[in-house]
């Protein structure tokens, strides 16, 4: 048996599905500040250090979603196997 699941979502719909907040205005302000500091040549300025906490959180959320989907498929496989052996 082969099962295909197609999910057609816009980025906005996916964000809401995952329960992620709308951070567009925050991102714009952050990028403006980064740009200003880079243009001013702030000494020792490392833009990656500002974004690292946010990137780690996003990766953790995606990992949680993948484990959730794997759990569903594992549970489906177990129930399918028990039906075959009956």
Protein backbone atom coordinates (compact mmCIF):
# COMPACT_ATOMS: atom_id res chain seq x y z
CA UNK A 1 0.00 0.00 0.00
CA UNK A 2 1.26 3.45 -0.84
CA UNK A 3 -0.10 6.58 0.75
CA UNK A 4 0.65 10.08 -0.51
CA UNK A 5 -0.25 13.16 1.45
CA UNK A 6 -0.10 16.49 -0.36
CA UNK A 7 -0.48 19.62 1.69
CA UNK A 8 -0.89 22.85 -0.24
CA UNK A 9 -0.31 25.74 2.15
CA UNK A 10 0.86 29.29 1.82
CA UNK A 11 3.68 30.36 4.17
CA UNK A 12 1.07 32.29 6.20
CA UNK A 13 -1.17 29.22 6.53
CA UNK A 14 1.80 27.02 7.50
CA UNK A 15 2.88 29.54 10.15
CA UNK A 16 -0.62 29.49 11.67
CA UNK A 17 -0.79 25.68 11.49
CA UNK A 18 2.49 25.40 13.41
CA UNK A 19 1.35 28.00 15.94
CA UNK A 20 4.23 30.33 15.13
CA UNK A 21 3.73 34.04 15.82
CA UNK A 22 3.74 36.63 13.05
CA UNK A 23 7.19 38.19 13.42
CA UNK A 24 7.40 40.08 10.13
CA UNK A 25 7.48 43.52 11.76
CA UNK A 26 10.10 42.32 14.27
CA UNK A 27 12.22 40.90 11.44
CA UNK A 28 12.00 44.17 9.50
CA UNK A 29 13.09 46.19 12.56
CA UNK A 30 15.91 43.75 13.27
CA UNK A 31 17.17 43.87 9.69
CA UNK A 32 17.02 47.68 9.73
CA UNK A 33 19.12 47.74 12.91
CA UNK A 34 21.61 45.26 11.47
CA UNK A 35 21.87 47.30 8.29
CA UNK A 36 22.43 50.53 10.25
CA UNK A 37 25.16 48.98 12.38
CA UNK A 38 26.85 47.41 9.36
CA UNK A 39 26.72 50.73 7.48
CA UNK A 40 28.17 52.52 10.53
CA UNK A 41 30.93 49.92 10.67
CA UNK A 42 30.29 48.95 14.28
CA UNK A 43 33.48 47.31 15.52
CA UNK A 44 33.17 43.65 16.42
CA UNK A 45 29.62 43.51 15.12
CA UNK A 46 28.55 39.94 14.36
CA UNK A 47 25.06 39.69 12.82
CA UNK A 48 25.09 35.90 13.11
CA UNK A 49 25.24 36.08 16.91
CA UNK A 50 21.98 38.09 16.90
CA UNK A 51 20.14 35.54 14.78
CA UNK A 52 21.54 32.35 16.34
CA UNK A 53 18.89 32.03 19.13
CA UNK A 54 16.05 32.44 16.64
CA UNK A 55 17.52 29.95 14.20
CA UNK A 56 17.98 27.33 16.94
CA UNK A 57 14.36 27.71 18.01
CA UNK A 58 13.10 27.28 14.43
CA UNK A 59 15.16 24.14 13.94
CA UNK A 60 13.80 22.72 17.21
CA UNK A 61 10.23 23.35 16.14
CA UNK A 62 10.76 21.69 12.77
CA UNK A 63 12.40 18.72 14.49
CA UNK A 64 9.36 18.42 16.79
CA UNK A 65 7.05 18.50 13.75
CA UNK A 66 9.09 15.76 12.02
CA UNK A 67 8.97 13.55 15.13
CA UNK A 68 5.21 14.15 15.33
CA UNK A 69 4.74 13.01 11.73
CA UNK A 70 7.04 10.01 12.25
CA UNK A 71 4.99 9.01 15.31
CA UNK A 72 1.79 9.13 13.29
CA UNK A 73 3.30 6.95 10.56
CA UNK A 74 4.73 4.49 13.12
CA UNK A 75 1.37 4.19 14.85
CA UNK A 76 -0.37 3.71 11.51
CA UNK A 77 2.14 0.99 10.60
CA UNK A 78 1.55 -0.85 13.88
CA UNK A 79 -2.22 -0.76 13.50
CA UNK A 80 -1.93 -1.88 9.88
CA UNK A 81 0.34 -4.81 10.86
CA UNK A 82 -2.08 -5.99 13.57
CA UNK A 83 -4.95 -5.97 11.05
CA UNK A 84 -2.93 -8.15 8.66
CA UNK A 85 -2.10 -10.74 11.34
CA UNK A 86 -5.76 -11.09 12.40
